[in-house]
Amino acid sequence: MSNKEIISSSNAPQAIGTYSQAVKVGNTVYLSGQIPLIPATMEMIEGGITEQATQVFKNLSAVASAAGGTLNDAAKVNISLTDLGVFAQVNDVMAQFFEQPYPARACVQVAALPRNAMIEVEVILAL
């Protein structure tokens, strides 16, 4: 892929594995999954699902900005939760970061996430 551009932001956690924060191909930006790490310390944010979801969407916002967009450019959002019982709380947090019309979305429950996070979210932007 010769038109692939790597996107990164110091305002979001650095990759903790063999991946980039985001990759832009044409007008599409693929944001890697974010967990609730504080960018400055790379430590998990303290608190429950509301605090974790808020940090995740802040991290995603920073990467979207580095790509030249915002979360309102999202075409698709994929959410992984370790407990679907917190879905309503995540939905409330998401409403603080997105405006209508909302993107397509999937939400699944998973057995575990890196660093024992309760949530991981990945986004595809259409700029």
N, C-alpha and C. Protein backbone atom coordinates (compact mmCIF):
# COMPACT_ATOMS: atom_id res chain seq x y z
N MET A 1 0.84 -1.18 0.00
CA MET A 1 0.00 0.00 0.00
C MET A 1 0.89 1.24 0.00
N SER A 2 0.99 1.89 -1.10
CA SER A 2 1.86 3.06 -1.17
C SER A 2 1.18 4.32 -0.64
N ASN A 3 -0.12 4.32 -0.52
CA ASN A 3 -0.82 5.51 -0.04
C ASN A 3 -1.19 5.41 1.44
N LYS A 4 -0.48 4.58 2.18
CA LYS A 4 -0.74 4.37 3.60
C LYS A 4 0.06 5.39 4.41
N GLU A 5 -0.64 6.12 5.29
CA GLU A 5 0.02 7.11 6.15
C GLU A 5 -0.20 6.72 7.61
N ILE A 6 0.87 6.68 8.38
CA ILE A 6 0.79 6.36 9.80
C ILE A 6 0.47 7.64 10.57
N ILE A 7 -0.53 7.57 11.45
CA ILE A 7 -0.98 8.70 12.26
C ILE A 7 -0.61 8.42 13.71
N SER A 8 -0.07 9.43 14.39
CA SER A 8 0.20 9.27 15.82
C SER A 8 0.03 10.61 16.52
N SER A 9 -0.24 10.53 17.81
CA SER A 9 -0.43 11.71 18.64
C SER A 9 0.22 11.48 19.99
N SER A 10 0.94 12.47 20.47
CA SER A 10 1.50 12.38 21.82
C SER A 10 0.42 12.61 22.88
N ASN A 11 -0.78 13.03 22.44
CA ASN A 11 -1.90 13.24 23.35
C ASN A 11 -2.74 11.99 23.57
N ALA A 12 -2.27 10.87 23.03
CA ALA A 12 -2.91 9.58 23.22
C ALA A 12 -1.83 8.60 23.66
N PRO A 13 -2.21 7.50 24.31
CA PRO A 13 -1.21 6.54 24.74
C PRO A 13 -0.41 6.00 23.55
N GLN A 14 0.88 5.81 23.76
CA GLN A 14 1.71 5.21 22.72
C GLN A 14 1.34 3.73 22.59
N ALA A 15 1.56 3.17 21.44
CA ALA A 15 1.24 1.76 21.20
C ALA A 15 1.98 0.88 22.20
N ILE A 16 1.28 -0.12 22.73
CA ILE A 16 1.89 -1.05 23.67
C ILE A 16 2.13 -2.40 22.99
N GLY A 17 2.16 -2.39 21.68
CA GLY A 17 2.38 -3.61 20.91
C GLY A 17 2.81 -3.27 19.50
N THR A 18 2.70 -4.23 18.64
CA THR A 18 3.14 -4.07 17.25
C THR A 18 2.00 -3.51 16.39
N TYR A 19 1.65 -2.26 16.64
CA TYR A 19 0.60 -1.58 15.88
C TYR A 19 0.83 -0.08 15.93
N SER A 20 0.14 0.63 15.06
CA SER A 20 0.17 2.10 15.03
C SER A 20 -1.10 2.61 15.68
N GLN A 21 -1.07 3.85 16.18
CA GLN A 21 -2.28 4.44 16.75
C GLN A 21 -3.38 4.51 15.69
N ALA A 22 -3.00 4.84 14.47
CA ALA A 22 -3.97 4.90 13.37
C ALA A 22 -3.23 4.81 12.05
N VAL A 23 -3.97 4.38 11.03
CA VAL A 23 -3.45 4.31 9.67
C VAL A 23 -4.48 4.96 8.76
N LYS A 24 -4.00 5.89 7.93
CA LYS A 24 -4.87 6.58 6.98
C LYS A 24 -4.60 6.05 5.58
N VAL A 25 -5.66 5.67 4.90
CA VAL A 25 -5.58 5.23 3.52
C VAL A 25 -6.63 6.02 2.76
N GLY A 26 -6.17 6.92 1.88
CA GLY A 26 -7.12 7.79 1.20
C GLY A 26 -7.82 8.67 2.22
N ASN A 27 -9.15 8.67 2.19
CA ASN A 27 -9.94 9.47 3.14
C ASN A 27 -10.44 8.66 4.33
N THR A 28 -9.95 7.43 4.46
CA THR A 28 -10.38 6.56 5.55
C THR A 28 -9.25 6.43 6.57
N VAL A 29 -9.61 6.59 7.85
CA VAL A 29 -8.63 6.45 8.93
C VAL A 29 -9.09 5.34 9.86
N TYR A 30 -8.21 4.38 10.07
CA TYR A 30 -8.48 3.25 10.95
C TYR A 30 -7.77 3.49 12.27
N LEU A 31 -8.54 3.79 13.32
CA LEU A 31 -7.97 4.03 14.65
C LEU A 31 -7.91 2.71 15.40
N SER A 32 -6.71 2.38 15.87
CA SER A 32 -6.54 1.16 16.66
C SER A 32 -7.34 1.25 17.95
N GLY A 33 -7.63 0.09 18.50
CA GLY A 33 -8.36 0.04 19.75
C GLY A 33 -7.62 0.78 20.85
N GLN A 34 -8.35 1.55 21.63
CA GLN A 34 -7.80 2.28 22.77
C GLN A 34 -8.39 1.72 24.05
N ILE A 35 -7.52 1.56 25.02
CA ILE A 35 -7.97 1.22 26.37
C ILE A 35 -7.75 2.46 27.24
N PRO A 36 -8.25 2.48 28.47
CA PRO A 36 -8.22 3.70 29.28
C PRO A 36 -6.87 4.02 29.93
N LEU A 37 -5.85 4.16 29.10
CA LEU A 37 -4.54 4.57 29.59
C LEU A 37 -4.43 6.09 29.58
N ILE A 38 -3.80 6.64 30.58
CA ILE A 38 -3.51 8.08 30.63
C ILE A 38 -2.25 8.29 29.80
N PRO A 39 -2.30 9.12 28.75
CA PRO A 39 -1.15 9.26 27.86
C PRO A 39 0.16 9.65 28.56
N ALA A 40 0.12 10.55 29.51
CA ALA A 40 1.34 11.05 30.15
C ALA A 40 2.05 10.00 30.99
N THR A 41 1.28 9.08 31.58
CA THR A 41 1.87 8.10 32.49
C THR A 41 1.81 6.67 31.98
N MET A 42 0.96 6.42 30.98
CA MET A 42 0.70 5.08 30.45
C MET A 42 0.14 4.15 31.53
N GLU A 43 -0.50 4.74 32.54
CA GLU A 43 -1.17 3.98 33.59
C GLU A 43 -2.67 3.99 33.32
N MET A 44 -3.36 2.96 33.83
CA MET A 44 -4.81 2.91 33.70
C MET A 44 -5.43 3.99 34.56
N ILE A 45 -6.48 4.62 34.06
CA ILE A 45 -7.19 5.61 34.85
C ILE A 45 -7.92 4.89 35.99
N GLU A 46 -8.00 5.54 37.12
CA GLU A 46 -8.71 4.95 38.26
C GLU A 46 -10.20 5.21 38.11
N GLY A 47 -11.00 4.34 38.69
CA GLY A 47 -12.44 4.50 38.67
C GLY A 47 -13.12 3.35 37.96
N GLY A 48 -14.40 3.56 37.73
CA GLY A 48 -15.22 2.53 37.12
C GLY A 48 -15.37 2.70 35.63
N ILE A 49 -16.43 2.13 35.09
CA ILE A 49 -16.63 2.13 33.65
C ILE A 49 -16.82 3.54 33.09
N THR A 50 -17.46 4.43 33.82
CA THR A 50 -17.65 5.80 33.31
C THR A 50 -16.31 6.49 33.11
N GLU A 51 -15.43 6.38 34.09
CA GLU A 51 -14.10 6.99 33.98
C GLU A 51 -13.29 6.32 32.87
N GLN A 52 -13.37 5.00 32.79
CA GLN A 52 -12.62 4.28 31.76
C GLN A 52 -13.12 4.64 30.36
N ALA A 53 -14.43 4.66 30.17
CA ALA A 53 -14.98 4.98 28.85
C ALA A 53 -14.63 6.42 28.46
N THR A 54 -14.70 7.33 29.42
CA THR A 54 -14.36 8.73 29.14
C THR A 54 -12.91 8.84 28.68
N GLN A 55 -11.99 8.16 29.35
CA GLN A 55 -10.58 8.21 28.96
C GLN A 55 -10.37 7.61 27.57
N VAL A 56 -11.06 6.52 27.29
CA VAL A 56 -10.94 5.88 25.97
C VAL A 56 -11.37 6.86 24.87
N PHE A 57 -12.50 7.52 25.05
CA PHE A 57 -12.97 8.44 24.01
C PHE A 57 -12.10 9.69 23.93
N LYS A 58 -11.50 10.12 25.03
CA LYS A 58 -10.53 11.22 24.97
C LYS A 58 -9.31 10.79 24.14
N ASN A 59 -8.84 9.57 24.37
CA ASN A 59 -7.69 9.06 23.62
C ASN A 59 -8.02 8.98 22.13
N LEU A 60 -9.18 8.46 21.81
CA LEU A 60 -9.60 8.35 20.41
C LEU A 60 -9.75 9.73 19.77
N SER A 61 -10.26 10.68 20.53
CA SER A 61 -10.41 12.05 20.02
C SER A 61 -9.05 12.64 19.64
N ALA A 62 -8.04 12.38 20.47
CA ALA A 62 -6.70 12.90 20.19
C ALA A 62 -6.13 12.30 18.91
N VAL A 63 -6.33 11.02 18.70
CA VAL A 63 -5.83 10.38 17.49
C VAL A 63 -6.62 10.87 16.27
N ALA A 64 -7.93 11.02 16.42
CA ALA A 64 -8.75 11.55 15.31
C ALA A 64 -8.28 12.94 14.92
N SER A 65 -7.96 13.76 15.91
CA SER A 65 -7.47 15.11 15.66
C SER A 65 -6.14 15.08 14.90
N ALA A 66 -5.25 14.18 15.30
CA ALA A 66 -3.96 14.06 14.62
C ALA A 66 -4.14 13.64 13.16
N ALA A 67 -5.24 12.97 12.88
CA ALA A 67 -5.53 12.54 11.51
C ALA A 67 -6.23 13.63 10.71
N GLY A 68 -6.58 14.74 11.36
CA GLY A 68 -7.28 15.82 10.68
C GLY A 68 -8.78 15.74 10.77
N GLY A 69 -9.29 14.98 11.73
CA GLY A 69 -10.74 14.84 11.87
C GLY A 69 -11.18 14.92 13.32
N THR A 70 -12.39 14.50 13.56
CA THR A 70 -12.96 14.41 14.90
C THR A 70 -13.75 13.12 14.99
N LEU A 71 -14.21 12.79 16.18
CA LEU A 71 -15.03 11.59 16.32
C LEU A 71 -16.34 11.71 15.55
N ASN A 72 -16.75 12.93 15.23
CA ASN A 72 -17.97 13.08 14.43
C ASN A 72 -17.77 12.67 12.98
N ASP A 73 -16.53 12.37 12.59
CA ASP A 73 -16.24 11.81 11.27
C ASP A 73 -16.31 10.29 11.29
N ALA A 74 -16.64 9.71 12.43
CA ALA A 74 -16.67 8.25 12.56
C ALA A 74 -17.78 7.65 11.69
N ALA A 75 -17.40 6.63 10.94
CA ALA A 75 -18.37 5.85 10.17
C ALA A 75 -18.75 4.59 10.94
N LYS A 76 -17.78 4.05 11.71
CA LYS A 76 -18.02 2.80 12.44
C LYS A 76 -17.27 2.83 13.75
N VAL A 77 -17.91 2.36 14.81
CA VAL A 77 -17.31 2.25 16.14
C VAL A 77 -17.51 0.81 16.60
N ASN A 78 -16.42 0.19 17.05
CA ASN A 78 -16.48 -1.16 17.62
C ASN A 78 -16.09 -1.08 19.08
N ILE A 79 -16.97 -1.54 19.95
CA ILE A 79 -16.75 -1.48 21.40
C ILE A 79 -16.65 -2.90 21.93
N SER A 80 -15.62 -3.14 22.74
CA SER A 80 -15.48 -4.41 23.45
C SER A 80 -15.57 -4.11 24.94
N LEU A 81 -16.43 -4.85 25.61
CA LEU A 81 -16.63 -4.69 27.06
C LEU A 81 -16.42 -6.03 27.74
N THR A 82 -15.90 -6.00 28.95
CA THR A 82 -15.80 -7.24 29.71
C THR A 82 -17.10 -7.57 30.42
N ASP A 83 -18.06 -6.63 30.40
CA ASP A 83 -19.37 -6.84 31.03
C ASP A 83 -20.41 -6.03 30.28
N LEU A 84 -21.27 -6.69 29.53
CA LEU A 84 -22.32 -5.98 28.79
C LEU A 84 -23.32 -5.29 29.72
N GLY A 85 -23.28 -5.60 30.98
CA GLY A 85 -24.16 -4.96 31.95
C GLY A 85 -23.89 -3.47 32.12
N VAL A 86 -22.74 -3.00 31.64
CA VAL A 86 -22.40 -1.57 31.75
C VAL A 86 -22.67 -0.82 30.45
N PHE A 87 -23.32 -1.48 29.51
CA PHE A 87 -23.55 -0.87 28.20
C PHE A 87 -24.25 0.48 28.27
N ALA A 88 -25.26 0.62 29.12
CA ALA A 88 -26.00 1.88 29.22
C ALA A 88 -25.08 3.02 29.68
N GLN A 89 -24.18 2.74 30.60
CA GLN A 89 -23.25 3.77 31.07
C GLN A 89 -22.29 4.17 29.94
N VAL A 90 -21.82 3.20 29.17
CA VAL A 90 -20.93 3.49 28.04
C VAL A 90 -21.67 4.31 27.00
N ASN A 91 -22.91 3.97 26.77
CA ASN A 91 -23.74 4.71 25.81
C ASN A 91 -23.87 6.18 26.25
N ASP A 92 -24.06 6.42 27.55
CA ASP A 92 -24.16 7.79 28.06
C ASP A 92 -22.86 8.55 27.83
N VAL A 93 -21.72 7.91 28.07
CA VAL A 93 -20.43 8.56 27.83
C VAL A 93 -20.25 8.83 26.34
N MET A 94 -20.57 7.86 25.52
CA MET A 94 -20.41 8.03 24.07
C MET A 94 -21.21 9.23 23.57
N ALA A 95 -22.37 9.45 24.13
CA ALA A 95 -23.22 10.58 23.71
C ALA A 95 -22.55 11.92 23.98
N GLN A 96 -21.58 11.97 24.89
CA GLN A 96 -20.85 13.21 25.17
C GLN A 96 -19.78 13.50 24.12
N PHE A 97 -19.41 12.49 23.33
CA PHE A 97 -18.31 12.64 22.37
C PHE A 97 -18.77 12.62 20.91
N PHE A 98 -20.01 12.24 20.65
CA PHE A 98 -20.52 12.13 19.28
C PHE A 98 -21.79 12.95 19.13
N GLU A 99 -21.99 13.47 17.93
CA GLU A 99 -23.22 14.18 17.60
C GLU A 99 -23.99 13.38 16.56
N GLN A 100 -25.29 13.60 16.49
CA GLN A 100 -26.10 12.96 15.45
C GLN A 100 -25.77 13.57 14.09
N PRO A 101 -25.82 12.81 13.04
CA PRO A 101 -26.15 11.39 13.00
C PRO A 101 -24.99 10.54 13.53
N TYR A 102 -25.33 9.58 14.35
CA TYR A 102 -24.32 8.74 14.98
C TYR A 102 -23.75 7.73 13.99
N PRO A 103 -22.53 7.25 14.26
CA PRO A 103 -21.94 6.24 13.37
C PRO A 103 -22.58 4.88 13.58
N ALA A 104 -22.29 3.97 12.66
CA ALA A 104 -22.66 2.57 12.87
C ALA A 104 -21.83 2.08 14.06
N ARG A 105 -22.36 1.08 14.77
CA ARG A 105 -21.66 0.63 15.97
C ARG A 105 -21.93 -0.84 16.22
N ALA A 106 -20.93 -1.50 16.79
CA ALA A 106 -21.09 -2.86 17.30
C ALA A 106 -20.54 -2.86 18.72
N CYS A 107 -21.12 -3.67 19.57
CA CYS A 107 -20.66 -3.79 20.95
C CYS A 107 -20.72 -5.27 21.33
N VAL A 108 -19.60 -5.79 21.79
CA VAL A 108 -19.54 -7.20 22.17
C VAL A 108 -18.93 -7.35 23.55
N GLN A 109 -19.27 -8.45 24.20
CA GLN A 109 -18.64 -8.78 25.47
C GLN A 109 -17.48 -9.72 25.18
N VAL A 110 -16.35 -9.46 25.84
CA VAL A 110 -15.16 -10.29 25.66
C VAL A 110 -14.72 -10.81 27.04
N ALA A 111 -13.92 -11.86 27.03
CA ALA A 111 -13.48 -12.46 28.29
C ALA A 111 -12.49 -11.57 29.03
N ALA A 112 -11.61 -10.91 28.30
CA ALA A 112 -10.59 -10.07 28.94
C ALA A 112 -10.03 -9.08 27.93
N LEU A 113 -9.46 -7.98 28.45
CA LEU A 113 -8.83 -6.96 27.63
C LEU A 113 -7.44 -6.67 28.19
N PRO A 114 -6.55 -6.06 27.38
CA PRO A 114 -5.22 -5.75 27.89
C PRO A 114 -5.27 -4.93 29.18
N ARG A 115 -4.33 -5.21 30.07
CA ARG A 115 -4.16 -4.52 31.35
C ARG A 115 -5.42 -4.54 32.21
N ASN A 116 -6.26 -5.53 32.02
CA ASN A 116 -7.50 -5.71 32.77
C ASN A 116 -8.47 -4.54 32.58
N ALA A 117 -8.40 -3.87 31.43
CA ALA A 117 -9.35 -2.80 31.13
C ALA A 117 -10.76 -3.38 31.04
N MET A 118 -11.74 -2.53 31.32
CA MET A 118 -13.14 -2.93 31.20
C MET A 118 -13.67 -2.66 29.79
N ILE A 119 -12.95 -1.81 29.02
CA ILE A 119 -13.44 -1.36 27.73
C ILE A 119 -12.27 -1.14 26.77
N GLU A 120 -12.51 -1.45 25.51
CA GLU A 120 -11.61 -1.08 24.42
C GLU A 120 -12.50 -0.66 23.25
N VAL A 121 -12.11 0.42 22.57
CA VAL A 121 -12.91 0.95 21.47
C VAL A 121 -11.99 1.23 20.29
N GLU A 122 -12.44 0.82 19.10
CA GLU A 122 -11.75 1.15 17.86
C GLU A 122 -12.73 1.90 16.96
N VAL A 123 -12.19 2.75 16.09
CA VAL A 123 -13.04 3.62 15.27
C VAL A 123 -12.52 3.67 13.85
N ILE A 124 -13.42 3.77 12.90
CA ILE A 124 -13.06 4.04 11.50
C ILE A 124 -13.65 5.39 11.14
N LEU A 125 -12.78 6.31 10.72
CA LEU A 125 -13.20 7.66 10.30
C LEU A 125 -13.30 7.74 8.79
N ALA A 126 -14.25 8.51 8.31
CA ALA A 126 -14.36 8.85 6.89
C ALA A 126 -14.20 10.37 6.80
N LEU A 127 -13.04 10.82 6.34
CA LEU A 127 -12.74 12.26 6.28
C LEU A 127 -13.18 12.85 4.95
